[in-house]
Amino acid sequence: MFRRKIIQEPYDRERQIPVIRASICTGERVAGFKDIQTGRFTEVAAICSRRDLDSFLEKYAVEETEIKKEW
């Protein structure tokens, strides 16, 4: 197993949307932000449990309904 480098960047609501990327094969989930113009995804948190998701939502003041899911 390897560790990913998680980059801590501020969330820009005008330029980015919150996204959770999930692997169909492994079930691994990563939360981050996708740049609307370039499509570049920036990982900010690994989501292993509900606690991780709640922490992400609280830290970045994001509502769960705002999050787009990508496979």
PDB file of N, CA and C in Angstrom:
ATOM      1  N   MET A   1       0.844  -1.182   0.000  1.00  0.00           N
ATOM      2  CA  MET A   1       0.000   0.000   0.000  1.00  0.00           C
ATOM      3  C   MET A   1       0.883   1.237   0.000  1.00  0.00           C
ATOM      4  N   PHE A   2       0.468   2.245  -0.713  1.00  0.00           N
ATOM      5  CA  PHE A   2       1.245   3.475  -0.781  1.00  0.00           C
ATOM      6  C   PHE A   2       0.419   4.641  -0.268  1.00  0.00           C
ATOM      7  N   ARG A   3       1.101   5.682   0.109  1.00  0.00           N
ATOM      8  CA  ARG A   3       0.425   6.887   0.597  1.00  0.00           C
ATOM      9  C   ARG A   3       0.486   7.959  -0.475  1.00  0.00           C
ATOM     10  N   ARG A   4      -0.605   8.657  -0.620  1.00  0.00           N
ATOM     11  CA  ARG A   4      -0.654   9.766  -1.564  1.00  0.00           C
ATOM     12  C   ARG A   4      -0.255  11.041  -0.857  1.00  0.00           C
ATOM     13  N   LYS A   5       0.315  11.935  -1.596  1.00  0.00           N
ATOM     14  CA  LYS A   5       0.637  13.243  -1.050  1.00  0.00           C
ATOM     15  C   LYS A   5      -0.633  14.094  -1.122  1.00  0.00           C
ATOM     16  N   ILE A   6      -1.127  14.500   0.026  1.00  0.00           N
ATOM     17  CA  ILE A   6      -2.332  15.309   0.094  1.00  0.00           C
ATOM     18  C   ILE A   6      -1.927  16.777   0.155  1.00  0.00           C
ATOM     19  N   ILE A   7      -2.445  17.564  -0.749  1.00  0.00           N
ATOM     20  CA  ILE A   7      -2.109  18.980  -0.836  1.00  0.00           C
ATOM     21  C   ILE A   7      -3.195  19.786  -0.136  1.00  0.00           C
ATOM     22  N   GLN A   8      -2.784  20.664   0.752  1.00  0.00           N
ATOM     23  CA  GLN A   8      -3.731  21.527   1.447  1.00  0.00           C
ATOM     24  C   GLN A   8      -3.798  22.870   0.727  1.00  0.00           C
ATOM     25  N   GLU A   9      -4.862  23.078  -0.016  1.00  0.00           N
ATOM     26  CA  GLU A   9      -5.075  24.341  -0.708  1.00  0.00           C
ATOM     27  C   GLU A   9      -6.399  24.928  -0.251  1.00  0.00           C
ATOM     28  N   PRO A  10      -6.494  26.242  -0.229  1.00  0.00           N
ATOM     29  CA  PRO A  10      -7.785  26.834   0.121  1.00  0.00           C
ATOM     30  C   PRO A  10      -8.821  26.551  -0.971  1.00  0.00           C
ATOM     31  N   TYR A  11     -10.064  26.454  -0.553  1.00  0.00           N
ATOM     32  CA  TYR A  11     -11.173  26.161  -1.454  1.00  0.00           C
ATOM     33  C   TYR A  11     -11.731  27.472  -1.998  1.00  0.00           C
ATOM     34  N   ASP A  12     -11.706  27.630  -3.315  1.00  0.00           N
ATOM     35  CA  ASP A  12     -12.217  28.823  -3.985  1.00  0.00           C
ATOM     36  C   ASP A  12     -13.579  28.486  -4.593  1.00  0.00           C
ATOM     37  N   ARG A  13     -14.638  28.921  -3.947  1.00  0.00           N
ATOM     38  CA  ARG A  13     -16.007  28.588  -4.370  1.00  0.00           C
ATOM     39  C   ARG A  13     -16.343  29.088  -5.769  1.00  0.00           C
ATOM     40  N   GLU A  14     -15.687  30.124  -6.226  1.00  0.00           N
ATOM     41  CA  GLU A  14     -15.961  30.672  -7.554  1.00  0.00           C
ATOM     42  C   GLU A  14     -15.299  29.862  -8.661  1.00  0.00           C
ATOM     43  N   ARG A  15     -14.195  29.204  -8.368  1.00  0.00           N
ATOM     44  CA  ARG A  15     -13.435  28.487  -9.393  1.00  0.00           C
ATOM     45  C   ARG A  15     -13.460  26.984  -9.246  1.00  0.00           C
ATOM     46  N   GLN A  16     -13.918  26.459  -8.096  1.00  0.00           N
ATOM     47  CA  GLN A  16     -13.845  25.025  -7.844  1.00  0.00           C
ATOM     48  C   GLN A  16     -15.180  24.476  -7.356  1.00  0.00           C
ATOM     49  N   ILE A  17     -15.359  23.164  -7.597  1.00  0.00           N
ATOM     50  CA  ILE A  17     -16.526  22.467  -7.067  1.00  0.00           C
ATOM     51  C   ILE A  17     -16.031  21.291  -6.225  1.00  0.00           C
ATOM     52  N   PRO A  18     -16.724  20.986  -5.122  1.00  0.00           N
ATOM     53  CA  PRO A  18     -16.325  19.839  -4.301  1.00  0.00           C
ATOM     54  C   PRO A  18     -16.702  18.532  -5.001  1.00  0.00           C
ATOM     55  N   VAL A  19     -15.774  17.571  -4.966  1.00  0.00           N
ATOM     56  CA  VAL A  19     -15.963  16.303  -5.658  1.00  0.00           C
ATOM     57  C   VAL A  19     -15.458  15.165  -4.777  1.00  0.00           C
ATOM     58  N   ILE A  20     -16.150  14.039  -4.833  1.00  0.00           N
ATOM     59  CA  ILE A  20     -15.641  12.809  -4.238  1.00  0.00           C
ATOM     60  C   ILE A  20     -15.395  11.845  -5.387  1.00  0.00           C
ATOM     61  N   ARG A  21     -14.159  11.417  -5.505  1.00  0.00           N
ATOM     62  CA  ARG A  21     -13.803  10.425  -6.519  1.00  0.00           C
ATOM     63  C   ARG A  21     -13.781   9.056  -5.852  1.00  0.00           C
ATOM     64  N   ALA A  22     -14.451   8.102  -6.465  1.00  0.00           N
ATOM     65  CA  ALA A  22     -14.520   6.753  -5.911  1.00  0.00           C
ATOM     66  C   ALA A  22     -14.073   5.751  -6.961  1.00  0.00           C
ATOM     67  N   SER A  23     -13.334   4.764  -6.516  1.00  0.00           N
ATOM     68  CA  SER A  23     -12.891   3.695  -7.396  1.00  0.00           C
ATOM     69  C   SER A  23     -13.954   2.596  -7.414  1.00  0.00           C
ATOM     70  N   ILE A  24     -14.375   2.200  -8.588  1.00  0.00           N
ATOM     71  CA  ILE A  24     -15.352   1.125  -8.720  1.00  0.00           C
ATOM     72  C   ILE A  24     -14.729  -0.198  -8.267  1.00  0.00           C
ATOM     73  N   CYS A  25     -13.465  -0.394  -8.555  1.00  0.00           N
ATOM     74  CA  CYS A  25     -12.793  -1.661  -8.243  1.00  0.00           C
ATOM     75  C   CYS A  25     -12.495  -1.834  -6.755  1.00  0.00           C
ATOM     76  N   THR A  26     -11.885  -0.821  -6.155  1.00  0.00           N
ATOM     77  CA  THR A  26     -11.414  -0.963  -4.774  1.00  0.00           C
ATOM     78  C   THR A  26     -12.330  -0.311  -3.744  1.00  0.00           C
ATOM     79  N   GLY A  27     -13.192   0.595  -4.173  1.00  0.00           N
ATOM     80  CA  GLY A  27     -14.054   1.292  -3.247  1.00  0.00           C
ATOM     81  C   GLY A  27     -13.379   2.460  -2.561  1.00  0.00           C
ATOM     82  N   GLU A  28     -12.138   2.722  -2.889  1.00  0.00           N
ATOM     83  CA  GLU A  28     -11.407   3.841  -2.295  1.00  0.00           C
ATOM     84  C   GLU A  28     -12.076   5.159  -2.687  1.00  0.00           C
ATOM     85  N   ARG A  29     -12.223   6.048  -1.708  1.00  0.00           N
ATOM     86  CA  ARG A  29     -12.837   7.353  -1.956  1.00  0.00           C
ATOM     87  C   ARG A  29     -11.897   8.464  -1.521  1.00  0.00           C
ATOM     88  N   VAL A  30     -11.844   9.515  -2.345  1.00  0.00           N
ATOM     89  CA  VAL A  30     -10.997  10.672  -2.066  1.00  0.00           C
ATOM     90  C   VAL A  30     -11.828  11.927  -2.293  1.00  0.00           C
ATOM     91  N   ALA A  31     -11.790  12.837  -1.340  1.00  0.00           N
ATOM     92  CA  ALA A  31     -12.497  14.107  -1.474  1.00  0.00           C
ATOM     93  C   ALA A  31     -11.514  15.179  -1.913  1.00  0.00           C
ATOM     94  N   GLY A  32     -12.027  16.083  -2.718  1.00  0.00           N
ATOM     95  CA  GLY A  32     -11.183  17.175  -3.179  1.00  0.00           C
ATOM     96  C   GLY A  32     -11.992  18.193  -3.937  1.00  0.00           C
ATOM     97  N   PHE A  33     -11.287  18.997  -4.711  1.00  0.00           N
ATOM     98  CA  PHE A  33     -11.928  20.062  -5.454  1.00  0.00           C
ATOM     99  C   PHE A  33     -11.485  20.019  -6.905  1.00  0.00           C
ATOM    100  N   LYS A  34     -12.436  20.238  -7.811  1.00  0.00           N
ATOM    101  CA  LYS A  34     -12.168  20.211  -9.238  1.00  0.00           C
ATOM    102  C   LYS A  34     -12.298  21.627  -9.787  1.00  0.00           C
ATOM    103  N   ASP A  35     -11.271  22.068 -10.497  1.00  0.00           N
ATOM    104  CA  ASP A  35     -11.286  23.389 -11.110  1.00  0.00           C
ATOM    105  C   ASP A  35     -12.298  23.370 -12.253  1.00  0.00           C
ATOM    106  N   ILE A  36     -13.197  24.324 -12.268  1.00  0.00           N
ATOM    107  CA  ILE A  36     -14.267  24.363 -13.264  1.00  0.00           C
ATOM    108  C   ILE A  36     -13.716  24.585 -14.669  1.00  0.00           C
ATOM    109  N   GLN A  37     -12.694  25.421 -14.807  1.00  0.00           N
ATOM    110  CA  GLN A  37     -12.160  25.755 -16.129  1.00  0.00           C
ATOM    111  C   GLN A  37     -11.231  24.684 -16.680  1.00  0.00           C
ATOM    112  N   THR A  38     -10.315  24.188 -15.859  1.00  0.00           N
ATOM    113  CA  THR A  38      -9.299  23.258 -16.359  1.00  0.00           C
ATOM    114  C   THR A  38      -9.650  21.793 -16.142  1.00  0.00           C
ATOM    115  N   GLY A  39     -10.526  21.510 -15.184  1.00  0.00           N
ATOM    116  CA  GLY A  39     -10.863  20.126 -14.866  1.00  0.00           C
ATOM    117  C   GLY A  39      -9.847  19.469 -13.955  1.00  0.00           C
ATOM    118  N   ARG A  40      -8.858  20.221 -13.493  1.00  0.00           N
ATOM    119  CA  ARG A  40      -7.812  19.676 -12.609  1.00  0.00           C
ATOM    120  C   ARG A  40      -8.409  19.354 -11.243  1.00  0.00           C
ATOM    121  N   PHE A  41      -8.149  18.128 -10.760  1.00  0.00           N
ATOM    122  CA  PHE A  41      -8.651  17.680  -9.469  1.00  0.00           C
ATOM    123  C   PHE A  41      -7.541  17.760  -8.438  1.00  0.00           C
ATOM    124  N   THR A  42      -7.851  18.363  -7.279  1.00  0.00           N
ATOM    125  CA  THR A  42      -6.895  18.464  -6.186  1.00  0.00           C
ATOM    126  C   THR A  42      -7.433  17.668  -5.005  1.00  0.00           C
ATOM    127  N   GLU A  43      -6.700  16.626  -4.606  1.00  0.00           N
ATOM    128  CA  GLU A  43      -7.100  15.797  -3.466  1.00  0.00           C
ATOM    129  C   GLU A  43      -6.815  16.533  -2.168  1.00  0.00           C
ATOM    130  N   VAL A  44      -7.763  16.464  -1.231  1.00  0.00           N
ATOM    131  CA  VAL A  44      -7.521  17.076   0.066  1.00  0.00           C
ATOM    132  C   VAL A  44      -7.762  16.118   1.226  1.00  0.00           C
ATOM    133  N   ALA A  45      -8.499  15.013   1.004  1.00  0.00           N
ATOM    134  CA  ALA A  45      -8.766  14.088   2.108  1.00  0.00           C
ATOM    135  C   ALA A  45      -9.143  12.707   1.578  1.00  0.00           C
ATOM    136  N   ALA A  46      -8.610  11.687   2.237  1.00  0.00           N
ATOM    137  CA  ALA A  46      -9.041  10.318   1.963  1.00  0.00           C
ATOM    138  C   ALA A  46     -10.280  10.066   2.810  1.00  0.00           C
ATOM    139  N   ILE A  47     -11.293   9.467   2.217  1.00  0.00           N
ATOM    140  CA  ILE A  47     -12.548   9.207   2.922  1.00  0.00           C
ATOM    141  C   ILE A  47     -12.640   7.707   3.193  1.00  0.00           C
ATOM    142  N   CYS A  48     -12.372   7.334   4.436  1.00  0.00           N
ATOM    143  CA  CYS A  48     -12.429   5.929   4.844  1.00  0.00           C
ATOM    144  C   CYS A  48     -13.659   5.624   5.685  1.00  0.00           C
ATOM    145  N   SER A  49     -14.249   6.658   6.275  1.00  0.00           N
ATOM    146  CA  SER A  49     -15.413   6.457   7.137  1.00  0.00           C
ATOM    147  C   SER A  49     -16.296   7.709   7.095  1.00  0.00           C
ATOM    148  N   ARG A  50     -17.429   7.610   7.726  1.00  0.00           N
ATOM    149  CA  ARG A  50     -18.349   8.747   7.808  1.00  0.00           C
ATOM    150  C   ARG A  50     -17.694   9.907   8.560  1.00  0.00           C
ATOM    151  N   ARG A  51     -16.875   9.584   9.534  1.00  0.00           N
ATOM    152  CA  ARG A  51     -16.164  10.609  10.306  1.00  0.00           C
ATOM    153  C   ARG A  51     -15.254  11.440   9.402  1.00  0.00           C
ATOM    154  N   ASP A  52     -14.568  10.780   8.476  1.00  0.00           N
ATOM    155  CA  ASP A  52     -13.698  11.498   7.535  1.00  0.00           C
ATOM    156  C   ASP A  52     -14.511  12.442   6.654  1.00  0.00           C
ATOM    157  N   LEU A  53     -15.662  11.968   6.183  1.00  0.00           N
ATOM    158  CA  LEU A  53     -16.522  12.803   5.348  1.00  0.00           C
ATOM    159  C   LEU A  53     -17.039  14.003   6.146  1.00  0.00           C
ATOM    160  N   ASP A  54     -17.488  13.763   7.369  1.00  0.00           N
ATOM    161  CA  ASP A  54     -17.975  14.856   8.213  1.00  0.00           C
ATOM    162  C   ASP A  54     -16.880  15.885   8.484  1.00  0.00           C
ATOM    163  N   SER A  55     -15.666  15.418   8.684  1.00  0.00           N
ATOM    164  CA  SER A  55     -14.536  16.307   8.915  1.00  0.00           C
ATOM    165  C   SER A  55     -14.273  17.184   7.686  1.00  0.00           C
ATOM    166  N   PHE A  56     -14.322  16.579   6.499  1.00  0.00           N
ATOM    167  CA  PHE A  56     -14.140  17.315   5.248  1.00  0.00           C
ATOM    168  C   PHE A  56     -15.227  18.375   5.088  1.00  0.00           C
ATOM    169  N   LEU A  57     -16.476  17.989   5.335  1.00  0.00           N
ATOM    170  CA  LEU A  57     -17.596  18.915   5.205  1.00  0.00           C
ATOM    171  C   LEU A  57     -17.458  20.107   6.158  1.00  0.00           C
ATOM    172  N   GLU A  58     -17.052  19.826   7.384  1.00  0.00           N
ATOM    173  CA  GLU A  58     -16.912  20.882   8.388  1.00  0.00           C
ATOM    174  C   GLU A  58     -15.722  21.793   8.088  1.00  0.00           C
ATOM    175  N   LYS A  59     -14.592  21.199   7.733  1.00  0.00           N
ATOM    176  CA  LYS A  59     -13.370  21.972   7.501  1.00  0.00           C
ATOM    177  C   LYS A  59     -13.529  22.980   6.356  1.00  0.00           C
ATOM    178  N   TYR A  60     -14.231  22.564   5.297  1.00  0.00           N
ATOM    179  CA  TYR A  60     -14.364  23.427   4.127  1.00  0.00           C
ATOM    180  C   TYR A  60     -15.742  24.071   3.999  1.00  0.00           C
ATOM    181  N   ALA A  61     -16.591  23.923   5.021  1.00  0.00           N
ATOM    182  CA  ALA A  61     -17.941  24.512   5.046  1.00  0.00           C
ATOM    183  C   ALA A  61     -18.726  24.154   3.789  1.00  0.00           C
ATOM    184  N   VAL A  62     -18.758  22.869   3.497  1.00  0.00           N
ATOM    185  CA  VAL A  62     -19.445  22.344   2.321  1.00  0.00           C
ATOM    186  C   VAL A  62     -20.646  21.528   2.788  1.00  0.00           C
ATOM    187  N   GLU A  63     -21.758  21.656   2.081  1.00  0.00           N
ATOM    188  CA  GLU A  63     -22.928  20.830   2.353  1.00  0.00           C
ATOM    189  C   GLU A  63     -22.799  19.535   1.554  1.00  0.00           C
ATOM    190  N   GLU A  64     -23.297  18.459   2.112  1.00  0.00           N
ATOM    191  CA  GLU A  64     -23.192  17.162   1.429  1.00  0.00           C
ATOM    192  C   GLU A  64     -23.900  17.175   0.077  1.00  0.00           C
ATOM    193  N   THR A  65     -24.952  17.968  -0.059  1.00  0.00           N
ATOM    194  CA  THR A  65     -25.688  18.043  -1.317  1.00  0.00           C
ATOM    195  C   THR A  65     -24.901  18.764  -2.419  1.00  0.00           C
ATOM    196  N   GLU A  66     -23.882  19.533  -2.048  1.00  0.00           N
ATOM    197  CA  GLU A  66     -23.054  20.250  -3.026  1.00  0.00           C
ATOM    198  C   GLU A  66     -22.033  19.341  -3.701  1.00  0.00           C
ATOM    199  N   ILE A  67     -21.730  18.231  -3.095  1.00  0.00           N
ATOM    200  CA  ILE A  67     -20.645  17.374  -3.552  1.00  0.00           C
ATOM    201  C   ILE A  67     -21.064  16.560  -4.768  1.00  0.00           C
ATOM    202  N   LYS A  68     -20.253  16.639  -5.807  1.00  0.00           N
ATOM    203  CA  LYS A  68     -20.463  15.845  -7.008  1.00  0.00           C
ATOM    204  C   LYS A  68     -19.650  14.555  -6.845  1.00  0.00           C
ATOM    205  N   LYS A  69     -20.200  13.439  -7.294  1.00  0.00           N
ATOM    206  CA  LYS A  69     -19.486  12.160  -7.212  1.00  0.00           C
ATOM    207  C   LYS A  69     -19.013  11.733  -8.590  1.00  0.00           C
ATOM    208  N   GLU A  70     -17.771  11.292  -8.656  1.00  0.00           N
ATOM    209  CA  GLU A  70     -17.190  10.809  -9.917  1.00  0.00           C
ATOM    210  C   GLU A  70     -16.677   9.405  -9.694  1.00  0.00           C
ATOM    211  N   TRP A  71     -16.802   8.562 -10.695  1.00  0.00           N
ATOM    212  CA  TRP A  71     -16.336   7.178 -10.631  1.00  0.00           C
ATOM    213  C   TRP A  71     -15.124   6.986 -11.487  1.00  0.00           C
TER     214      TRP A  71
END
